[in-house]
């Protein structure tokens, strides 16, 4: 675990991010007191479209052209 001041963190942010990507933990201090911790972000889970994916489903062929029968139904 590396400890750096706010000034050094601002000056060397790119290097610190490289270290975090490699798995290192960085503690940022202000006046010698720890104020923040840089750690590698967890992968974001893939989310389905919408807020209630179990209530409304979007079919895989949603953006495919409609069949003639479907167009007939829509135009009534």
PDB file of N, CA and C in Angstrom:
ATOM      1  N   UNK A   1       0.851  -1.172   0.000  1.00  0.00           N
ATOM      2  CA  UNK A   1       0.000   0.000   0.000  1.00  0.00           C
ATOM      3  C   UNK A   1       0.896   1.234   0.000  1.00  0.00           C
ATOM      4  N   UNK A   2       0.631   2.097  -0.981  1.00  0.00           N
ATOM      5  CA  UNK A   2       1.403   3.330  -1.112  1.00  0.00           C
ATOM      6  C   UNK A   2       0.593   4.487  -0.532  1.00  0.00           C
ATOM      7  N   UNK A   3       1.281   5.416   0.114  1.00  0.00           N
ATOM      8  CA  UNK A   3       0.632   6.605   0.659  1.00  0.00           C
ATOM      9  C   UNK A   3       1.203   7.824  -0.040  1.00  0.00           C
ATOM     10  N   UNK A   4       0.309   8.699  -0.534  1.00  0.00           N
ATOM     11  CA  UNK A   4       0.750   9.911  -1.230  1.00  0.00           C
ATOM     12  C   UNK A   4      -0.067  11.097  -0.741  1.00  0.00           C
ATOM     13  N   UNK A   5       0.516  12.279  -0.868  1.00  0.00           N
ATOM     14  CA  UNK A   5      -0.197  13.504  -0.497  1.00  0.00           C
ATOM     15  C   UNK A   5      -1.159  13.888  -1.620  1.00  0.00           C
ATOM     16  N   UNK A   6      -2.074  14.784  -1.313  1.00  0.00           N
ATOM     17  CA  UNK A   6      -3.017  15.266  -2.324  1.00  0.00           C
ATOM     18  C   UNK A   6      -2.249  15.883  -3.489  1.00  0.00           C
ATOM     19  N   UNK A   7      -1.236  16.677  -3.196  1.00  0.00           N
ATOM     20  CA  UNK A   7      -0.436  17.314  -4.243  1.00  0.00           C
ATOM     21  C   UNK A   7       0.195  16.263  -5.146  1.00  0.00           C
ATOM     22  N   UNK A   8       0.834  15.248  -4.550  1.00  0.00           N
ATOM     23  CA  UNK A   8       1.469  14.199  -5.350  1.00  0.00           C
ATOM     24  C   UNK A   8       0.433  13.399  -6.140  1.00  0.00           C
ATOM     25  N   UNK A   9      -0.743  13.197  -5.566  1.00  0.00           N
ATOM     26  CA  UNK A   9      -1.793  12.462  -6.273  1.00  0.00           C
ATOM     27  C   UNK A   9      -2.230  13.236  -7.511  1.00  0.00           C
ATOM     28  N   UNK A  10      -2.380  14.559  -7.374  1.00  0.00           N
ATOM     29  CA  UNK A  10      -2.763  15.378  -8.528  1.00  0.00           C
ATOM     30  C   UNK A  10      -1.654  15.382  -9.575  1.00  0.00           C
ATOM     31  N   UNK A  11      -0.420  15.454  -9.122  1.00  0.00           N
ATOM     32  CA  UNK A  11       0.713  15.528 -10.037  1.00  0.00           C
ATOM     33  C   UNK A  11       0.949  14.214 -10.767  1.00  0.00           C
ATOM     34  N   UNK A  12       0.722  13.092 -10.103  1.00  0.00           N
ATOM     35  CA  UNK A  12       1.061  11.778 -10.661  1.00  0.00           C
ATOM     36  C   UNK A  12      -0.155  10.860 -10.791  1.00  0.00           C
ATOM     37  N   UNK A  13      -1.310  11.431 -11.070  1.00  0.00           N
ATOM     38  CA  UNK A  13      -2.536  10.636 -11.111  1.00  0.00           C
ATOM     39  C   UNK A  13      -2.453   9.481 -12.103  1.00  0.00           C
ATOM     40  N   UNK A  14      -1.911   9.722 -13.275  1.00  0.00           N
ATOM     41  CA  UNK A  14      -1.830   8.663 -14.287  1.00  0.00           C
ATOM     42  C   UNK A  14      -0.999   7.480 -13.783  1.00  0.00           C
ATOM     43  N   UNK A  15       0.136   7.764 -13.154  1.00  0.00           N
ATOM     44  CA  UNK A  15       0.984   6.697 -12.610  1.00  0.00           C
ATOM     45  C   UNK A  15       0.258   5.952 -11.495  1.00  0.00           C
ATOM     46  N   UNK A  16      -0.455   6.692 -10.659  1.00  0.00           N
ATOM     47  CA  UNK A  16      -1.192   6.060  -9.566  1.00  0.00           C
ATOM     48  C   UNK A  16      -2.299   5.151 -10.104  1.00  0.00           C
ATOM     49  N   UNK A  17      -2.990   5.588 -11.146  1.00  0.00           N
ATOM     50  CA  UNK A  17      -4.032   4.754 -11.742  1.00  0.00           C
ATOM     51  C   UNK A  17      -3.446   3.484 -12.345  1.00  0.00           C
ATOM     52  N   UNK A  18      -2.264   3.586 -12.938  1.00  0.00           N
ATOM     53  CA  UNK A  18      -1.588   2.385 -13.452  1.00  0.00           C
ATOM     54  C   UNK A  18      -1.306   1.410 -12.314  1.00  0.00           C
ATOM     55  N   UNK A  19      -0.858   1.937 -11.176  1.00  0.00           N
ATOM     56  CA  UNK A  19      -0.568   1.085 -10.019  1.00  0.00           C
ATOM     57  C   UNK A  19      -1.848   0.438  -9.488  1.00  0.00           C
ATOM     58  N   UNK A  20      -2.934   1.195  -9.456  1.00  0.00           N
ATOM     59  CA  UNK A  20      -4.217   0.659  -8.985  1.00  0.00           C
ATOM     60  C   UNK A  20      -4.697  -0.438  -9.924  1.00  0.00           C
ATOM     61  N   UNK A  21      -4.563  -0.221 -11.232  1.00  0.00           N
ATOM     62  CA  UNK A  21      -4.950  -1.253 -12.200  1.00  0.00           C
ATOM     63  C   UNK A  21      -4.151  -2.530 -12.001  1.00  0.00           C
ATOM     64  N   UNK A  22      -2.921  -2.383 -11.533  1.00  0.00           N
ATOM     65  CA  UNK A  22      -2.063  -3.544 -11.283  1.00  0.00           C
ATOM     66  C   UNK A  22      -2.388  -4.213  -9.949  1.00  0.00           C
ATOM     67  N   UNK A  23      -3.362  -3.656  -9.203  1.00  0.00           N
ATOM     68  CA  UNK A  23      -3.784  -4.289  -7.955  1.00  0.00           C
ATOM     69  C   UNK A  23      -3.304  -3.615  -6.689  1.00  0.00           C
ATOM     70  N   UNK A  24      -2.547  -2.543  -6.816  1.00  0.00           N
ATOM     71  CA  UNK A  24      -2.036  -1.855  -5.628  1.00  0.00           C
ATOM     72  C   UNK A  24      -3.108  -0.931  -5.042  1.00  0.00           C
ATOM     73  N   UNK A  25      -3.051  -0.711  -3.748  1.00  0.00           N
ATOM     74  CA  UNK A  25      -3.961   0.210  -3.072  1.00  0.00           C
ATOM     75  C   UNK A  25      -3.187   1.477  -2.745  1.00  0.00           C
ATOM     76  N   UNK A  26      -3.788   2.639  -3.020  1.00  0.00           N
ATOM     77  CA  UNK A  26      -3.151   3.928  -2.775  1.00  0.00           C
ATOM     78  C   UNK A  26      -3.980   4.686  -1.742  1.00  0.00           C
ATOM     79  N   UNK A  27      -3.317   5.222  -0.717  1.00  0.00           N
ATOM     80  CA  UNK A  27      -3.986   6.062   0.277  1.00  0.00           C
ATOM     81  C   UNK A  27      -3.537   7.501   0.036  1.00  0.00           C
ATOM     82  N   UNK A  28      -4.505   8.397  -0.080  1.00  0.00           N
ATOM     83  CA  UNK A  28      -4.208   9.815  -0.297  1.00  0.00           C
ATOM     84  C   UNK A  28      -4.389  10.540   1.031  1.00  0.00           C
ATOM     85  N   UNK A  29      -3.372  11.336   1.382  1.00  0.00           N
ATOM     86  CA  UNK A  29      -3.398  12.037   2.667  1.00  0.00           C
ATOM     87  C   UNK A  29      -3.438  13.549   2.470  1.00  0.00           C
ATOM     88  N   UNK A  30      -4.025  14.227   3.447  1.00  0.00           N
ATOM     89  CA  UNK A  30      -3.993  15.688   3.502  1.00  0.00           C
ATOM     90  C   UNK A  30      -3.451  16.050   4.875  1.00  0.00           C
ATOM     91  N   UNK A  31      -2.371  16.788   4.891  1.00  0.00           N
ATOM     92  CA  UNK A  31      -1.706  17.163   6.150  1.00  0.00           C
ATOM     93  C   UNK A  31      -1.365  15.933   6.983  1.00  0.00           C
ATOM     94  N   UNK A  32      -0.986  14.856   6.310  1.00  0.00           N
ATOM     95  CA  UNK A  32      -0.565  13.644   7.002  1.00  0.00           C
ATOM     96  C   UNK A  32      -1.688  12.726   7.448  1.00  0.00           C
ATOM     97  N   UNK A  33      -2.936  13.123   7.214  1.00  0.00           N
ATOM     98  CA  UNK A  33      -4.085  12.310   7.628  1.00  0.00           C
ATOM     99  C   UNK A  33      -4.736  11.669   6.398  1.00  0.00           C
ATOM    100  N   UNK A  34      -5.016  10.383   6.445  1.00  0.00           N
ATOM    101  CA  UNK A  34      -5.647   9.729   5.294  1.00  0.00           C
ATOM    102  C   UNK A  34      -7.055  10.281   5.045  1.00  0.00           C
ATOM    103  N   UNK A  35      -7.329  10.600   3.767  1.00  0.00           N
ATOM    104  CA  UNK A  35      -8.651  11.129   3.415  1.00  0.00           C
ATOM    105  C   UNK A  35      -9.338  10.314   2.318  1.00  0.00           C
ATOM    106  N   UNK A  36      -8.564   9.526   1.570  1.00  0.00           N
ATOM    107  CA  UNK A  36      -9.169   8.742   0.485  1.00  0.00           C
ATOM    108  C   UNK A  36      -8.311   7.525   0.189  1.00  0.00           C
ATOM    109  N   UNK A  37      -8.966   6.542  -0.418  1.00  0.00           N
ATOM    110  CA  UNK A  37      -8.278   5.312  -0.792  1.00  0.00           C
ATOM    111  C   UNK A  37      -8.601   5.014  -2.250  1.00  0.00           C
ATOM    112  N   UNK A  38      -7.580   4.809  -3.069  1.00  0.00           N
ATOM    113  CA  UNK A  38      -7.775   4.409  -4.460  1.00  0.00           C
ATOM    114  C   UNK A  38      -7.622   2.901  -4.539  1.00  0.00           C
ATOM    115  N   UNK A  39      -8.660   2.236  -5.011  1.00  0.00           N
ATOM    116  CA  UNK A  39      -8.611   0.786  -5.204  1.00  0.00           C
ATOM    117  C   UNK A  39      -9.203   0.471  -6.567  1.00  0.00           C
ATOM    118  N   UNK A  40      -8.861  -0.688  -7.077  1.00  0.00           N
ATOM    119  CA  UNK A  40      -9.370  -1.103  -8.375  1.00  0.00           C
ATOM    120  C   UNK A  40     -10.889  -1.256  -8.305  1.00  0.00           C
ATOM    121  N   UNK A  41     -11.573  -0.745  -9.318  1.00  0.00           N
ATOM    122  CA  UNK A  41     -13.032  -0.829  -9.373  1.00  0.00           C
ATOM    123  C   UNK A  41     -13.458  -2.244  -9.733  1.00  0.00           C
ATOM    124  N   UNK A  42     -14.557  -2.679  -9.130  1.00  0.00           N
ATOM    125  CA  UNK A  42     -15.124  -3.981  -9.467  1.00  0.00           C
ATOM    126  C   UNK A  42     -15.832  -3.873 -10.810  1.00  0.00           C
ATOM    127  N   UNK A  43     -15.840  -4.952 -11.597  1.00  0.00           N
ATOM    128  CA  UNK A  43     -16.552  -4.894 -12.872  1.00  0.00           C
ATOM    129  C   UNK A  43     -18.044  -4.657 -12.633  1.00  0.00           C
ATOM    130  N   UNK A  44     -18.623  -3.823 -13.464  1.00  0.00           N
ATOM    131  CA  UNK A  44     -20.047  -3.522 -13.341  1.00  0.00           C
ATOM    132  C   UNK A  44     -20.852  -4.671 -13.933  1.00  0.00           C
ATOM    133  N   UNK A  45     -21.885  -5.138 -13.223  1.00  0.00           N
ATOM    134  CA  UNK A  45     -22.718  -6.208 -13.782  1.00  0.00           C
ATOM    135  C   UNK A  45     -23.509  -5.679 -14.971  1.00  0.00           C
ATOM    136  N   UNK A  46     -23.697  -6.541 -15.965  1.00  0.00           N
ATOM    137  CA  UNK A  46     -24.465  -6.136 -17.129  1.00  0.00           C
ATOM    138  C   UNK A  46     -25.931  -6.050 -16.725  1.00  0.00           C
ATOM    139  N   UNK A  47     -26.545  -4.915 -16.996  1.00  0.00           N
ATOM    140  CA  UNK A  47     -27.937  -4.713 -16.610  1.00  0.00           C
ATOM    141  C   UNK A  47     -28.830  -4.792 -17.830  1.00  0.00           C
ATOM    142  N   UNK A  48     -30.012  -5.294 -17.608  1.00  0.00           N
ATOM    143  CA  UNK A  48     -31.007  -5.323 -18.673  1.00  0.00           C
ATOM    144  C   UNK A  48     -31.644  -3.947 -18.782  1.00  0.00           C
ATOM    145  N   UNK A  49     -32.160  -3.648 -19.945  1.00  0.00           N
ATOM    146  CA  UNK A  49     -32.834  -2.384 -20.184  1.00  0.00           C
ATOM    147  C   UNK A  49     -34.039  -2.244 -19.255  1.00  0.00           C
ATOM    148  N   UNK A  50     -34.217  -1.103 -18.679  1.00  0.00           N
ATOM    149  CA  UNK A  50     -35.390  -0.836 -17.858  1.00  0.00           C
ATOM    150  C   UNK A  50     -35.138  -1.073 -16.388  1.00  0.00           C
ATOM    151  N   UNK A  51     -36.055  -0.609 -15.589  1.00  0.00           N
ATOM    152  CA  UNK A  51     -35.893  -0.741 -14.144  1.00  0.00           C
ATOM    153  C   UNK A  51     -36.524  -2.010 -13.602  1.00  0.00           C
ATOM    154  N   UNK A  52     -37.459  -2.603 -14.340  1.00  0.00           N
ATOM    155  CA  UNK A  52     -38.127  -3.823 -13.892  1.00  0.00           C
ATOM    156  C   UNK A  52     -38.013  -4.894 -14.976  1.00  0.00           C
ATOM    157  N   UNK A  53     -36.831  -5.464 -15.165  1.00  0.00           N
ATOM    158  CA  UNK A  53     -36.635  -6.393 -16.278  1.00  0.00           C
ATOM    159  C   UNK A  53     -37.501  -7.645 -16.210  1.00  0.00           C
ATOM    160  N   UNK A  54     -38.034  -7.986 -15.047  1.00  0.00           N
ATOM    161  CA  UNK A  54     -38.882  -9.181 -14.972  1.00  0.00           C
ATOM    162  C   UNK A  54     -40.332  -8.866 -15.307  1.00  0.00           C
ATOM    163  N   UNK A  55     -40.699  -7.593 -15.349  1.00  0.00           N
ATOM    164  CA  UNK A  55     -42.074  -7.210 -15.651  1.00  0.00           C
ATOM    165  C   UNK A  55     -42.264  -6.991 -17.147  1.00  0.00           C
ATOM    166  N   UNK A  56     -41.353  -6.301 -17.778  1.00  0.00           N
ATOM    167  CA  UNK A  56     -41.448  -6.020 -19.212  1.00  0.00           C
ATOM    168  C   UNK A  56     -40.182  -6.518 -19.894  1.00  0.00           C
ATOM    169  N   UNK A  57     -40.353  -7.400 -20.832  1.00  0.00           N
ATOM    170  CA  UNK A  57     -39.203  -7.956 -21.547  1.00  0.00           C
ATOM    171  C   UNK A  57     -39.161  -7.377 -22.960  1.00  0.00           C
ATOM    172  N   UNK A  58     -37.982  -7.116 -23.457  1.00  0.00           N
ATOM    173  CA  UNK A  58     -37.805  -6.672 -24.832  1.00  0.00           C
ATOM    174  C   UNK A  58     -37.229  -7.841 -25.608  1.00  0.00           C
ATOM    175  N   UNK A  59     -37.936  -8.236 -26.633  1.00  0.00           N
ATOM    176  CA  UNK A  59     -37.510  -9.388 -27.423  1.00  0.00           C
ATOM    177  C   UNK A  59     -36.217  -9.077 -28.167  1.00  0.00           C
ATOM    178  N   UNK A  60     -35.448 -10.129 -28.448  1.00  0.00           N
ATOM    179  CA  UNK A  60     -34.195  -9.959 -29.177  1.00  0.00           C
ATOM    180  C   UNK A  60     -34.426  -9.388 -30.571  1.00  0.00           C
ATOM    181  N   UNK A  61     -35.591  -9.682 -31.174  1.00  0.00           N
ATOM    182  CA  UNK A  61     -35.871  -9.199 -32.529  1.00  0.00           C
ATOM    183  C   UNK A  61     -36.664  -7.884 -32.517  1.00  0.00           C
ATOM    184  N   UNK A  62     -36.565  -7.121 -31.443  1.00  0.00           N
ATOM    185  CA  UNK A  62     -37.332  -5.888 -31.272  1.00  0.00           C
ATOM    186  C   UNK A  62     -37.181  -4.936 -32.457  1.00  0.00           C
ATOM    187  N   UNK A  63     -35.964  -4.786 -32.966  1.00  0.00           N
ATOM    188  CA  UNK A  63     -35.734  -3.815 -34.031  1.00  0.00           C
ATOM    189  C   UNK A  63     -35.774  -4.420 -35.437  1.00  0.00           C
ATOM    190  N   UNK A  64     -36.240  -5.648 -35.556  1.00  0.00           N
ATOM    191  CA  UNK A  64     -36.402  -6.280 -36.865  1.00  0.00           C
ATOM    192  C   UNK A  64     -37.683  -5.750 -37.518  1.00  0.00           C
ATOM    193  N   UNK A  65     -37.734  -5.757 -38.857  1.00  0.00           N
ATOM    194  CA  UNK A  65     -38.960  -5.315 -39.537  1.00  0.00           C
ATOM    195  C   UNK A  65     -40.144  -6.194 -39.135  1.00  0.00           C
ATOM    196  N   UNK A  66     -41.322  -5.590 -39.064  1.00  0.00           N
ATOM    197  CA  UNK A  66     -42.534  -6.327 -38.712  1.00  0.00           C
ATOM    198  C   UNK A  66     -43.031  -7.142 -39.900  1.00  0.00           C
ATOM    199  N   UNK A  67     -43.676  -8.253 -39.602  1.00  0.00           N
ATOM    200  CA  UNK A  67     -44.302  -9.061 -40.642  1.00  0.00           C
ATOM    201  C   UNK A  67     -45.551  -8.334 -41.129  1.00  0.00           C
ATOM    202  N   UNK A  68     -45.979  -8.639 -42.348  1.00  0.00           N
ATOM    203  CA  UNK A  68     -47.163  -8.005 -42.935  1.00  0.00           C
ATOM    204  C   UNK A  68     -48.370  -8.153 -42.011  1.00  0.00           C
ATOM    205  N   UNK A  69     -48.532  -9.340 -41.412  1.00  0.00           N
ATOM    206  CA  UNK A  69     -49.666  -9.561 -40.508  1.00  0.00           C
ATOM    207  C   UNK A  69     -49.624  -8.590 -39.328  1.00  0.00           C
ATOM    208  N   UNK A  70     -48.436  -8.337 -38.821  1.00  0.00           N
ATOM    209  CA  UNK A  70     -48.290  -7.417 -37.692  1.00  0.00           C
ATOM    210  C   UNK A  70     -48.616  -5.987 -38.105  1.00  0.00           C
ATOM    211  N   UNK A  71     -48.207  -5.597 -39.303  1.00  0.00           N
ATOM    212  CA  UNK A  71     -48.495  -4.253 -39.790  1.00  0.00           C
ATOM    213  C   UNK A  71     -49.993  -4.056 -39.968  1.00  0.00           C
ATOM    214  N   UNK A  72     -50.678  -5.090 -40.444  1.00  0.00           N
ATOM    215  CA  UNK A  72     -52.124  -5.038 -40.609  1.00  0.00           C
ATOM    216  C   UNK A  72     -52.800  -4.766 -39.265  1.00  0.00           C
ATOM    217  N   UNK A  73     -52.355  -5.447 -38.241  1.00  0.00           N
ATOM    218  CA  UNK A  73     -52.928  -5.302 -36.903  1.00  0.00           C
ATOM    219  C   UNK A  73     -52.708  -3.888 -36.359  1.00  0.00           C
ATOM    220  N   UNK A  74     -51.515  -3.343 -36.595  1.00  0.00           N
ATOM    221  CA  UNK A  74     -51.160  -2.026 -36.068  1.00  0.00           C
ATOM    222  C   UNK A  74     -51.959  -0.924 -36.752  1.00  0.00           C
ATOM    223  N   UNK A  75     -52.250  -1.062 -38.037  1.00  0.00           N
ATOM    224  CA  UNK A  75     -52.908   0.015 -38.783  1.00  0.00           C
ATOM    225  C   UNK A  75     -54.413   0.091 -38.531  1.00  0.00           C
ATOM    226  N   UNK A  76     -54.995  -0.843 -37.817  1.00  0.00           N
ATOM    227  CA  UNK A  76     -56.449  -0.810 -37.550  1.00  0.00           C
ATOM    228  C   UNK A  76     -56.820   0.203 -36.520  1.00  0.00           C
TER     229      UNK A  76
END
